[in-house]
């Protein structure tokens, strides 16, 4: 992971989508959300453009699981981190669990 690594703990939430099944995610808020927003702004100022949906690329570590993905601003503040089913299975996570995350901003 890169030098700019953030850590936080948040409950695993589920967004009920009907025919697509549940999408599980973590909502990032507080100081960690501010750090991501600052990173996104600095990147946008350096490159002159915004990534799709305002997303930020990240490397994620939960327990022994590691993967690359993006976090997204949900509109009402904070950041949305999707947690794929393979990770939930590997780490034994269910909705409502408090999940500790290490997040590297790319």
PDB file of N, CA and C in Angstrom:
ATOM      1  N   UNK A   1       0.837  -1.185   0.000  1.00  0.00           N
ATOM      2  CA  UNK A   1       0.000   0.000   0.000  1.00  0.00           C
ATOM      3  C   UNK A   1       0.880   1.246   0.000  1.00  0.00           C
ATOM      4  N   UNK A   2       0.352   2.337  -0.491  1.00  0.00           N
ATOM      5  CA  UNK A   2       1.106   3.578  -0.587  1.00  0.00           C
ATOM      6  C   UNK A   2       1.294   4.205   0.782  1.00  0.00           C
ATOM      7  N   UNK A   3       2.101   5.284   0.819  1.00  0.00           N
ATOM      8  CA  UNK A   3       2.389   5.969   2.081  1.00  0.00           C
ATOM      9  C   UNK A   3       1.152   6.668   2.642  1.00  0.00           C
ATOM     10  N   UNK A   4       0.228   7.067   1.782  1.00  0.00           N
ATOM     11  CA  UNK A   4      -0.972   7.768   2.241  1.00  0.00           C
ATOM     12  C   UNK A   4      -2.075   6.755   2.542  1.00  0.00           C
ATOM     13  N   UNK A   5      -1.962   6.125   3.700  1.00  0.00           N
ATOM     14  CA  UNK A   5      -2.918   5.102   4.095  1.00  0.00           C
ATOM     15  C   UNK A   5      -3.756   5.606   5.260  1.00  0.00           C
ATOM     16  N   UNK A   6      -5.057   5.415   5.149  1.00  0.00           N
ATOM     17  CA  UNK A   6      -6.013   5.838   6.170  1.00  0.00           C
ATOM     18  C   UNK A   6      -6.656   4.610   6.779  1.00  0.00           C
ATOM     19  N   UNK A   7      -7.031   4.698   8.053  1.00  0.00           N
ATOM     20  CA  UNK A   7      -7.711   3.591   8.719  1.00  0.00           C
ATOM     21  C   UNK A   7      -9.000   4.086   9.348  1.00  0.00           C
ATOM     22  N   UNK A   8     -10.016   3.228   9.324  1.00  0.00           N
ATOM     23  CA  UNK A   8     -11.285   3.563   9.954  1.00  0.00           C
ATOM     24  C   UNK A   8     -12.062   2.280  10.216  1.00  0.00           C
ATOM     25  N   UNK A   9     -13.072   2.395  11.058  1.00  0.00           N
ATOM     26  CA  UNK A   9     -13.992   1.298  11.330  1.00  0.00           C
ATOM     27  C   UNK A   9     -15.406   1.811  11.097  1.00  0.00           C
ATOM     28  N   UNK A  10     -16.201   1.034  10.367  1.00  0.00           N
ATOM     29  CA  UNK A  10     -17.580   1.431  10.055  1.00  0.00           C
ATOM     30  C   UNK A  10     -18.442   0.181   9.944  1.00  0.00           C
ATOM     31  N   UNK A  11     -19.758   0.328  10.166  1.00  0.00           N
ATOM     32  CA  UNK A  11     -20.647  -0.828  10.017  1.00  0.00           C
ATOM     33  C   UNK A  11     -20.855  -1.181   8.544  1.00  0.00           C
ATOM     34  N   UNK A  12     -20.938  -2.483   8.270  1.00  0.00           N
ATOM     35  CA  UNK A  12     -21.244  -2.952   6.918  1.00  0.00           C
ATOM     36  C   UNK A  12     -22.737  -2.741   6.682  1.00  0.00           C
ATOM     37  N   UNK A  13     -23.055  -1.981   5.651  1.00  0.00           N
ATOM     38  CA  UNK A  13     -24.445  -1.650   5.317  1.00  0.00           C
ATOM     39  C   UNK A  13     -24.850  -2.363   4.039  1.00  0.00           C
ATOM     40  N   UNK A  14     -26.146  -2.502   3.827  1.00  0.00           N
ATOM     41  CA  UNK A  14     -26.646  -3.131   2.599  1.00  0.00           C
ATOM     42  C   UNK A  14     -27.653  -2.206   1.934  1.00  0.00           C
ATOM     43  N   UNK A  15     -27.501  -2.071   0.628  1.00  0.00           N
ATOM     44  CA  UNK A  15     -28.448  -1.319  -0.189  1.00  0.00           C
ATOM     45  C   UNK A  15     -29.270  -2.366  -0.927  1.00  0.00           C
ATOM     46  N   UNK A  16     -30.548  -2.434  -0.623  1.00  0.00           N
ATOM     47  CA  UNK A  16     -31.456  -3.421  -1.229  1.00  0.00           C
ATOM     48  C   UNK A  16     -31.855  -2.926  -2.619  1.00  0.00           C
ATOM     49  N   UNK A  17     -31.513  -3.707  -3.656  1.00  0.00           N
ATOM     50  CA  UNK A  17     -31.731  -3.248  -5.030  1.00  0.00           C
ATOM     51  C   UNK A  17     -32.813  -3.997  -5.782  1.00  0.00           C
ATOM     52  N   UNK A  18     -33.478  -4.933  -5.160  1.00  0.00           N
ATOM     53  CA  UNK A  18     -34.491  -5.691  -5.886  1.00  0.00           C
ATOM     54  C   UNK A  18     -33.868  -6.833  -6.657  1.00  0.00           C
ATOM     55  N   UNK A  19     -33.933  -6.792  -7.989  1.00  0.00           N
ATOM     56  CA  UNK A  19     -33.480  -7.937  -8.782  1.00  0.00           C
ATOM     57  C   UNK A  19     -31.958  -8.079  -8.855  1.00  0.00           C
ATOM     58  N   UNK A  20     -31.180  -7.093  -8.442  1.00  0.00           N
ATOM     59  CA  UNK A  20     -29.716  -7.210  -8.442  1.00  0.00           C
ATOM     60  C   UNK A  20     -29.179  -7.734  -7.113  1.00  0.00           C
ATOM     61  N   UNK A  21     -30.035  -7.948  -6.133  1.00  0.00           N
ATOM     62  CA  UNK A  21     -29.578  -8.396  -4.818  1.00  0.00           C
ATOM     63  C   UNK A  21     -29.041  -7.226  -4.010  1.00  0.00           C
ATOM     64  N   UNK A  22     -28.487  -7.533  -2.864  1.00  0.00           N
ATOM     65  CA  UNK A  22     -27.944  -6.495  -1.997  1.00  0.00           C
ATOM     66  C   UNK A  22     -26.566  -6.056  -2.476  1.00  0.00           C
ATOM     67  N   UNK A  23     -26.307  -4.756  -2.376  1.00  0.00           N
ATOM     68  CA  UNK A  23     -24.977  -4.214  -2.590  1.00  0.00           C
ATOM     69  C   UNK A  23     -24.489  -3.792  -1.216  1.00  0.00           C
ATOM     70  N   UNK A  24     -23.427  -4.441  -0.743  1.00  0.00           N
ATOM     71  CA  UNK A  24     -22.911  -4.115   0.588  1.00  0.00           C
ATOM     72  C   UNK A  24     -21.814  -3.069   0.465  1.00  0.00           C
ATOM     73  N   UNK A  25     -21.773  -2.179   1.439  1.00  0.00           N
ATOM     74  CA  UNK A  25     -20.836  -1.067   1.378  1.00  0.00           C
ATOM     75  C   UNK A  25     -20.537  -0.547   2.779  1.00  0.00           C
ATOM     76  N   UNK A  26     -19.503   0.290   2.848  1.00  0.00           N
ATOM     77  CA  UNK A  26     -19.165   1.025   4.053  1.00  0.00           C
ATOM     78  C   UNK A  26     -19.300   2.501   3.720  1.00  0.00           C
ATOM     79  N   UNK A  27     -19.860   3.264   4.631  1.00  0.00           N
ATOM     80  CA  UNK A  27     -19.959   4.710   4.457  1.00  0.00           C
ATOM     81  C   UNK A  27     -18.818   5.339   5.240  1.00  0.00           C
ATOM     82  N   UNK A  28     -17.961   6.062   4.535  1.00  0.00           N
ATOM     83  CA  UNK A  28     -16.793   6.703   5.143  1.00  0.00           C
ATOM     84  C   UNK A  28     -17.159   8.135   5.464  1.00  0.00           C
ATOM     85  N   UNK A  29     -16.971   8.535   6.732  1.00  0.00           N
ATOM     86  CA  UNK A  29     -17.267   9.916   7.105  1.00  0.00           C
ATOM     87  C   UNK A  29     -16.155  10.465   7.995  1.00  0.00           C
ATOM     88  N   UNK A  30     -16.356  11.648   8.544  1.00  0.00           N
ATOM     89  CA  UNK A  30     -15.400  12.246   9.465  1.00  0.00           C
ATOM     90  C   UNK A  30     -14.081  12.631   8.809  1.00  0.00           C
ATOM     91  N   UNK A  31     -13.004  12.509   9.592  1.00  0.00           N
ATOM     92  CA  UNK A  31     -11.678  12.921   9.135  1.00  0.00           C
ATOM     93  C   UNK A  31     -11.200  12.135   7.922  1.00  0.00           C
ATOM     94  N   UNK A  32     -11.541  10.862   7.854  1.00  0.00           N
ATOM     95  CA  UNK A  32     -11.118  10.045   6.716  1.00  0.00           C
ATOM     96  C   UNK A  32     -11.803  10.547   5.440  1.00  0.00           C
ATOM     97  N   UNK A  33     -13.086  10.872   5.525  1.00  0.00           N
ATOM     98  CA  UNK A  33     -13.805  11.417   4.366  1.00  0.00           C
ATOM     99  C   UNK A  33     -13.199  12.746   3.931  1.00  0.00           C
ATOM    100  N   UNK A  34     -12.837  13.578   4.893  1.00  0.00           N
ATOM    101  CA  UNK A  34     -12.197  14.864   4.572  1.00  0.00           C
ATOM    102  C   UNK A  34     -10.876  14.651   3.849  1.00  0.00           C
ATOM    103  N   UNK A  35     -10.082  13.669   4.304  1.00  0.00           N
ATOM    104  CA  UNK A  35      -8.802  13.381   3.660  1.00  0.00           C
ATOM    105  C   UNK A  35      -9.009  12.912   2.222  1.00  0.00           C
ATOM    106  N   UNK A  36     -10.026  12.085   1.988  1.00  0.00           N
ATOM    107  CA  UNK A  36     -10.318  11.623   0.624  1.00  0.00           C
ATOM    108  C   UNK A  36     -10.760  12.803  -0.243  1.00  0.00           C
ATOM    109  N   UNK A  37     -11.616  13.665   0.285  1.00  0.00           N
ATOM    110  CA  UNK A  37     -12.084  14.841  -0.464  1.00  0.00           C
ATOM    111  C   UNK A  37     -10.923  15.759  -0.826  1.00  0.00           C
ATOM    112  N   UNK A  38     -10.005  15.960   0.099  1.00  0.00           N
ATOM    113  CA  UNK A  38      -8.833  16.790  -0.167  1.00  0.00           C
ATOM    114  C   UNK A  38      -7.967  16.161  -1.247  1.00  0.00           C
ATOM    115  N   UNK A  39      -7.760  14.852  -1.158  1.00  0.00           N
ATOM    116  CA  UNK A  39      -6.986  14.122  -2.168  1.00  0.00           C
ATOM    117  C   UNK A  39      -7.630  14.273  -3.549  1.00  0.00           C
ATOM    118  N   UNK A  40      -8.951  14.117  -3.619  1.00  0.00           N
ATOM    119  CA  UNK A  40      -9.666  14.233  -4.897  1.00  0.00           C
ATOM    120  C   UNK A  40      -9.529  15.642  -5.463  1.00  0.00           C
ATOM    121  N   UNK A  41      -9.662  16.654  -4.625  1.00  0.00           N
ATOM    122  CA  UNK A  41      -9.535  18.046  -5.079  1.00  0.00           C
ATOM    123  C   UNK A  41      -8.126  18.318  -5.605  1.00  0.00           C
ATOM    124  N   UNK A  42      -7.098  17.886  -4.876  1.00  0.00           N
ATOM    125  CA  UNK A  42      -5.719  18.112  -5.312  1.00  0.00           C
ATOM    126  C   UNK A  42      -5.449  17.396  -6.641  1.00  0.00           C
ATOM    127  N   UNK A  43      -5.955  16.184  -6.775  1.00  0.00           N
ATOM    128  CA  UNK A  43      -5.773  15.441  -8.018  1.00  0.00           C
ATOM    129  C   UNK A  43      -6.455  16.161  -9.187  1.00  0.00           C
ATOM    130  N   UNK A  44      -7.668  16.659  -8.920  1.00  0.00           N
ATOM    131  CA  UNK A  44      -8.409  17.374  -9.970  1.00  0.00           C
ATOM    132  C   UNK A  44      -7.688  18.660 -10.369  1.00  0.00           C
ATOM    133  N   UNK A  45      -7.117  19.371  -9.404  1.00  0.00           N
ATOM    134  CA  UNK A  45      -6.374  20.596  -9.710  1.00  0.00           C
ATOM    135  C   UNK A  45      -5.109  20.287 -10.509  1.00  0.00           C
ATOM    136  N   UNK A  46      -4.458  19.167 -10.196  1.00  0.00           N
ATOM    137  CA  UNK A  46      -3.236  18.777 -10.915  1.00  0.00           C
ATOM    138  C   UNK A  46      -3.522  18.319 -12.335  1.00  0.00           C
ATOM    139  N   UNK A  47      -4.585  17.548 -12.530  1.00  0.00           N
ATOM    140  CA  UNK A  47      -4.849  16.955 -13.846  1.00  0.00           C
ATOM    141  C   UNK A  47      -5.806  17.779 -14.704  1.00  0.00           C
ATOM    142  N   UNK A  48      -6.619  18.614 -14.067  1.00  0.00           N
ATOM    143  CA  UNK A  48      -7.571  19.423 -14.804  1.00  0.00           C
ATOM    144  C   UNK A  48      -8.879  18.712 -15.116  1.00  0.00           C
ATOM    145  N   UNK A  49      -9.067  17.513 -14.600  1.00  0.00           N
ATOM    146  CA  UNK A  49     -10.341  16.822 -14.841  1.00  0.00           C
ATOM    147  C   UNK A  49     -10.737  16.007 -13.617  1.00  0.00           C
ATOM    148  N   UNK A  50     -12.013  15.676 -13.598  1.00  0.00           N
ATOM    149  CA  UNK A  50     -12.598  14.882 -12.527  1.00  0.00           C
ATOM    150  C   UNK A  50     -12.847  13.474 -13.044  1.00  0.00           C
ATOM    151  N   UNK A  51     -12.519  12.463 -12.244  1.00  0.00           N
ATOM    152  CA  UNK A  51     -12.801  11.070 -12.623  1.00  0.00           C
ATOM    153  C   UNK A  51     -14.302  10.834 -12.645  1.00  0.00           C
ATOM    154  N   UNK A  52     -14.725   9.780 -13.325  1.00  0.00           N
ATOM    155  CA  UNK A  52     -16.140   9.438 -13.435  1.00  0.00           C
ATOM    156  C   UNK A  52     -16.844   9.381 -12.091  1.00  0.00           C
ATOM    157  N   UNK A  53     -17.977  10.041 -11.990  1.00  0.00           N
ATOM    158  CA  UNK A  53     -18.794  10.107 -10.782  1.00  0.00           C
ATOM    159  C   UNK A  53     -18.059  10.752  -9.610  1.00  0.00           C
ATOM    160  N   UNK A  54     -16.906  11.398  -9.856  1.00  0.00           N
ATOM    161  CA  UNK A  54     -16.127  12.005  -8.777  1.00  0.00           C
ATOM    162  C   UNK A  54     -15.371  10.997  -7.942  1.00  0.00           C
ATOM    163  N   UNK A  55     -15.159   9.803  -8.499  1.00  0.00           N
ATOM    164  CA  UNK A  55     -14.551   8.698  -7.749  1.00  0.00           C
ATOM    165  C   UNK A  55     -13.063   8.918  -7.498  1.00  0.00           C
ATOM    166  N   UNK A  56     -12.548   8.171  -6.526  1.00  0.00           N
ATOM    167  CA  UNK A  56     -11.123   8.166  -6.187  1.00  0.00           C
ATOM    168  C   UNK A  56     -10.672   6.709  -6.154  1.00  0.00           C
ATOM    169  N   UNK A  57      -9.579   6.393  -6.870  1.00  0.00           N
ATOM    170  CA  UNK A  57      -9.029   5.040  -6.857  1.00  0.00           C
ATOM    171  C   UNK A  57      -8.363   4.777  -5.511  1.00  0.00           C
ATOM    172  N   UNK A  58      -8.565   3.551  -5.004  1.00  0.00           N
ATOM    173  CA  UNK A  58      -8.004   3.163  -3.709  1.00  0.00           C
ATOM    174  C   UNK A  58      -7.558   1.703  -3.730  1.00  0.00           C
ATOM    175  N   UNK A  59      -6.674   1.366  -2.814  1.00  0.00           N
ATOM    176  CA  UNK A  59      -6.362  -0.020  -2.485  1.00  0.00           C
ATOM    177  C   UNK A  59      -6.925  -0.244  -1.098  1.00  0.00           C
ATOM    178  N   UNK A  60      -7.629  -1.361  -0.922  1.00  0.00           N
ATOM    179  CA  UNK A  60      -8.347  -1.635   0.326  1.00  0.00           C
ATOM    180  C   UNK A  60      -7.791  -2.887   0.981  1.00  0.00           C
ATOM    181  N   UNK A  61      -7.699  -2.859   2.304  1.00  0.00           N
ATOM    182  CA  UNK A  61      -7.336  -4.043   3.079  1.00  0.00           C
ATOM    183  C   UNK A  61      -8.349  -4.206   4.203  1.00  0.00           C
ATOM    184  N   UNK A  62      -9.001  -5.369   4.211  1.00  0.00           N
ATOM    185  CA  UNK A  62      -9.896  -5.769   5.304  1.00  0.00           C
ATOM    186  C   UNK A  62      -9.430  -7.161   5.713  1.00  0.00           C
ATOM    187  N   UNK A  63      -8.945  -7.295   6.940  1.00  0.00           N
ATOM    188  CA  UNK A  63      -8.412  -8.582   7.376  1.00  0.00           C
ATOM    189  C   UNK A  63      -7.292  -9.009   6.454  1.00  0.00           C
ATOM    190  N   UNK A  64      -7.377 -10.223   5.905  1.00  0.00           N
ATOM    191  CA  UNK A  64      -6.362 -10.745   4.985  1.00  0.00           C
ATOM    192  C   UNK A  64      -6.687 -10.424   3.519  1.00  0.00           C
ATOM    193  N   UNK A  65      -7.820  -9.811   3.260  1.00  0.00           N
ATOM    194  CA  UNK A  65      -8.251  -9.507   1.884  1.00  0.00           C
ATOM    195  C   UNK A  65      -7.706  -8.151   1.437  1.00  0.00           C
ATOM    196  N   UNK A  66      -7.232  -8.109   0.195  1.00  0.00           N
ATOM    197  CA  UNK A  66      -6.703  -6.884  -0.413  1.00  0.00           C
ATOM    198  C   UNK A  66      -7.262  -6.780  -1.831  1.00  0.00           C
ATOM    199  N   UNK A  67      -7.659  -5.572  -2.229  1.00  0.00           N
ATOM    200  CA  UNK A  67      -8.122  -5.369  -3.598  1.00  0.00           C
ATOM    201  C   UNK A  67      -8.085  -3.895  -3.961  1.00  0.00           C
ATOM    202  N   UNK A  68      -8.154  -3.620  -5.256  1.00  0.00           N
ATOM    203  CA  UNK A  68      -8.208  -2.253  -5.779  1.00  0.00           C
ATOM    204  C   UNK A  68      -9.634  -1.972  -6.221  1.00  0.00           C
ATOM    205  N   UNK A  69     -10.103  -0.761  -5.947  1.00  0.00           N
ATOM    206  CA  UNK A  69     -11.447  -0.350  -6.327  1.00  0.00           C
ATOM    207  C   UNK A  69     -11.478   1.172  -6.338  1.00  0.00           C
ATOM    208  N   UNK A  70     -12.655   1.733  -6.305  1.00  0.00           N
ATOM    209  CA  UNK A  70     -12.831   3.174  -6.181  1.00  0.00           C
ATOM    210  C   UNK A  70     -13.847   3.457  -5.095  1.00  0.00           C
ATOM    211  N   UNK A  71     -13.723   4.631  -4.467  1.00  0.00           N
ATOM    212  CA  UNK A  71     -14.747   5.124  -3.555  1.00  0.00           C
ATOM    213  C   UNK A  71     -15.483   6.234  -4.285  1.00  0.00           C
ATOM    214  N   UNK A  72     -16.755   6.422  -3.919  1.00  0.00           N
ATOM    215  CA  UNK A  72     -17.622   7.353  -4.629  1.00  0.00           C
ATOM    216  C   UNK A  72     -18.295   8.295  -3.642  1.00  0.00           C
ATOM    217  N   UNK A  73     -18.457   9.573  -4.027  1.00  0.00           N
ATOM    218  CA  UNK A  73     -19.213  10.485  -3.160  1.00  0.00           C
ATOM    219  C   UNK A  73     -20.710  10.221  -3.350  1.00  0.00           C
ATOM    220  N   UNK A  74     -21.437   9.842  -2.286  1.00  0.00           N
ATOM    221  CA  UNK A  74     -22.851   9.491  -2.455  1.00  0.00           C
ATOM    222  C   UNK A  74     -23.790  10.681  -2.612  1.00  0.00           C
ATOM    223  N   UNK A  75     -23.284  11.892  -2.467  1.00  0.00           N
ATOM    224  CA  UNK A  75     -24.132  13.064  -2.652  1.00  0.00           C
ATOM    225  C   UNK A  75     -24.473  13.769  -1.358  1.00  0.00           C
ATOM    226  N   UNK A  76     -24.702  13.014  -0.285  1.00  0.00           N
ATOM    227  CA  UNK A  76     -25.065  13.646   0.977  1.00  0.00           C
ATOM    228  C   UNK A  76     -23.872  13.780   1.925  1.00  0.00           C
ATOM    229  N   UNK A  77     -22.665  13.645   1.406  1.00  0.00           N
ATOM    230  CA  UNK A  77     -21.460  13.752   2.218  1.00  0.00           C
ATOM    231  C   UNK A  77     -20.833  12.402   2.460  1.00  0.00           C
ATOM    232  N   UNK A  78     -19.557  12.403   2.746  1.00  0.00           N
ATOM    233  CA  UNK A  78     -18.835  11.164   2.969  1.00  0.00           C
ATOM    234  C   UNK A  78     -18.498  10.468   1.664  1.00  0.00           C
ATOM    235  N   UNK A  79     -18.116   9.203   1.771  1.00  0.00           N
ATOM    236  CA  UNK A  79     -17.723   8.398   0.616  1.00  0.00           C
ATOM    237  C   UNK A  79     -18.288   6.995   0.754  1.00  0.00           C
ATOM    238  N   UNK A  80     -18.613   6.379  -0.357  1.00  0.00           N
ATOM    239  CA  UNK A  80     -19.232   5.062  -0.463  1.00  0.00           C
ATOM    240  C   UNK A  80     -18.154   4.077  -0.904  1.00  0.00           C
ATOM    241  N   UNK A  81     -17.870   3.041  -0.083  1.00  0.00           N
ATOM    242  CA  UNK A  81     -16.895   2.001  -0.427  1.00  0.00           C
ATOM    243  C   UNK A  81     -17.624   0.676  -0.603  1.00  0.00           C
ATOM    244  N   UNK A  82     -17.778   0.205  -1.846  1.00  0.00           N
ATOM    245  CA  UNK A  82     -18.430  -1.094  -2.054  1.00  0.00           C
ATOM    246  C   UNK A  82     -17.535  -2.226  -1.537  1.00  0.00           C
ATOM    247  N   UNK A  83     -18.159  -3.245  -0.941  1.00  0.00           N
ATOM    248  CA  UNK A  83     -17.423  -4.415  -0.439  1.00  0.00           C
ATOM    249  C   UNK A  83     -17.988  -5.635  -1.166  1.00  0.00           C
ATOM    250  N   UNK A  84     -17.177  -6.216  -2.049  1.00  0.00           N
ATOM    251  CA  UNK A  84     -17.672  -7.304  -2.880  1.00  0.00           C
ATOM    252  C   UNK A  84     -17.922  -8.579  -2.084  1.00  0.00           C
ATOM    253  N   UNK A  85     -18.784  -9.404  -2.636  1.00  0.00           N
ATOM    254  CA  UNK A  85     -19.222 -10.638  -1.978  1.00  0.00           C
ATOM    255  C   UNK A  85     -18.049 -11.558  -1.642  1.00  0.00           C
ATOM    256  N   UNK A  86     -17.067 -11.665  -2.526  1.00  0.00           N
ATOM    257  CA  UNK A  86     -15.921 -12.545  -2.270  1.00  0.00           C
ATOM    258  C   UNK A  86     -15.166 -12.123  -1.006  1.00  0.00           C
ATOM    259  N   UNK A  87     -15.052 -10.833  -0.788  1.00  0.00           N
ATOM    260  CA  UNK A  87     -14.375 -10.330   0.415  1.00  0.00           C
ATOM    261  C   UNK A  87     -15.233 -10.616   1.647  1.00  0.00           C
ATOM    262  N   UNK A  88     -16.529 -10.370   1.539  1.00  0.00           N
ATOM    263  CA  UNK A  88     -17.427 -10.632   2.675  1.00  0.00           C
ATOM    264  C   UNK A  88     -17.364 -12.106   3.079  1.00  0.00           C
ATOM    265  N   UNK A  89     -17.354 -12.992   2.092  1.00  0.00           N
ATOM    266  CA  UNK A  89     -17.256 -14.427   2.385  1.00  0.00           C
ATOM    267  C   UNK A  89     -15.914 -14.776   3.026  1.00  0.00           C
ATOM    268  N   UNK A  90     -14.827 -14.286   2.419  1.00  0.00           N
ATOM    269  CA  UNK A  90     -13.482 -14.614   2.906  1.00  0.00           C
ATOM    270  C   UNK A  90     -13.260 -14.125   4.340  1.00  0.00           C
ATOM    271  N   UNK A  91     -13.850 -12.998   4.685  1.00  0.00           N
ATOM    272  CA  UNK A  91     -13.648 -12.400   6.009  1.00  0.00           C
ATOM    273  C   UNK A  91     -14.791 -12.709   6.982  1.00  0.00           C
ATOM    274  N   UNK A  92     -15.809 -13.441   6.511  1.00  0.00           N
ATOM    275  CA  UNK A  92     -16.933 -13.805   7.377  1.00  0.00           C
ATOM    276  C   UNK A  92     -17.765 -12.615   7.819  1.00  0.00           C
ATOM    277  N   UNK A  93     -17.955 -11.646   6.924  1.00  0.00           N
ATOM    278  CA  UNK A  93     -18.680 -10.412   7.262  1.00  0.00           C
ATOM    279  C   UNK A  93     -20.156 -10.521   6.913  1.00  0.00           C
ATOM    280  N   UNK A  94     -20.998  -9.971   7.779  1.00  0.00           N
ATOM    281  CA  UNK A  94     -22.433  -9.856   7.517  1.00  0.00           C
ATOM    282  C   UNK A  94     -22.859  -8.422   7.809  1.00  0.00           C
ATOM    283  N   UNK A  95     -23.988  -8.052   7.245  1.00  0.00           N
ATOM    284  CA  UNK A  95     -24.525  -6.705   7.439  1.00  0.00           C
ATOM    285  C   UNK A  95     -24.602  -6.382   8.925  1.00  0.00           C
ATOM    286  N   UNK A  96     -24.144  -5.190   9.271  1.00  0.00           N
ATOM    287  CA  UNK A  96     -24.150  -4.739  10.655  1.00  0.00           C
ATOM    288  C   UNK A  96     -22.812  -4.909  11.361  1.00  0.00           C
ATOM    289  N   UNK A  97     -21.937  -5.769  10.827  1.00  0.00           N
ATOM    290  CA  UNK A  97     -20.614  -5.960  11.451  1.00  0.00           C
ATOM    291  C   UNK A  97     -19.817  -4.666  11.409  1.00  0.00           C
ATOM    292  N   UNK A  98     -19.064  -4.408  12.468  1.00  0.00           N
ATOM    293  CA  UNK A  98     -18.093  -3.299  12.466  1.00  0.00           C
ATOM    294  C   UNK A  98     -16.852  -3.787  11.727  1.00  0.00           C
ATOM    295  N   UNK A  99     -16.488  -3.104  10.651  1.00  0.00           N
ATOM    296  CA  UNK A  99     -15.396  -3.523   9.777  1.00  0.00           C
ATOM    297  C   UNK A  99     -14.252  -2.522   9.875  1.00  0.00           C
ATOM    298  N   UNK A 100     -13.058  -3.023  10.172  1.00  0.00           N
ATOM    299  CA  UNK A 100     -11.874  -2.174  10.214  1.00  0.00           C
ATOM    300  C   UNK A 100     -11.178  -2.250   8.865  1.00  0.00           C
ATOM    301  N   UNK A 101     -10.872  -1.073   8.315  1.00  0.00           N
ATOM    302  CA  UNK A 101     -10.377  -0.953   6.948  1.00  0.00           C
ATOM    303  C   UNK A 101      -9.093  -0.135   6.928  1.00  0.00           C
ATOM    304  N   UNK A 102      -8.151  -0.569   6.091  1.00  0.00           N
ATOM    305  CA  UNK A 102      -7.001   0.266   5.722  1.00  0.00           C
ATOM    306  C   UNK A 102      -7.211   0.626   4.260  1.00  0.00           C
ATOM    307  N   UNK A 103      -7.097   1.918   3.977  1.00  0.00           N
ATOM    308  CA  UNK A 103      -7.416   2.435   2.652  1.00  0.00           C
ATOM    309  C   UNK A 103      -6.247   3.281   2.161  1.00  0.00           C
ATOM    310  N   UNK A 104      -5.650   2.902   1.038  1.00  0.00           N
ATOM    311  CA  UNK A 104      -4.569   3.675   0.435  1.00  0.00           C
ATOM    312  C   UNK A 104      -5.131   4.461  -0.734  1.00  0.00           C
ATOM    313  N   UNK A 105      -4.915   5.771  -0.729  1.00  0.00           N
ATOM    314  CA  UNK A 105      -5.390   6.634  -1.821  1.00  0.00           C
ATOM    315  C   UNK A 105      -4.388   6.582  -2.968  1.00  0.00           C
ATOM    316  N   UNK A 106      -4.883   6.336  -4.176  1.00  0.00           N
ATOM    317  CA  UNK A 106      -4.007   6.226  -5.345  1.00  0.00           C
ATOM    318  C   UNK A 106      -4.086   7.465  -6.217  1.00  0.00           C
TER     319      UNK A 106
END
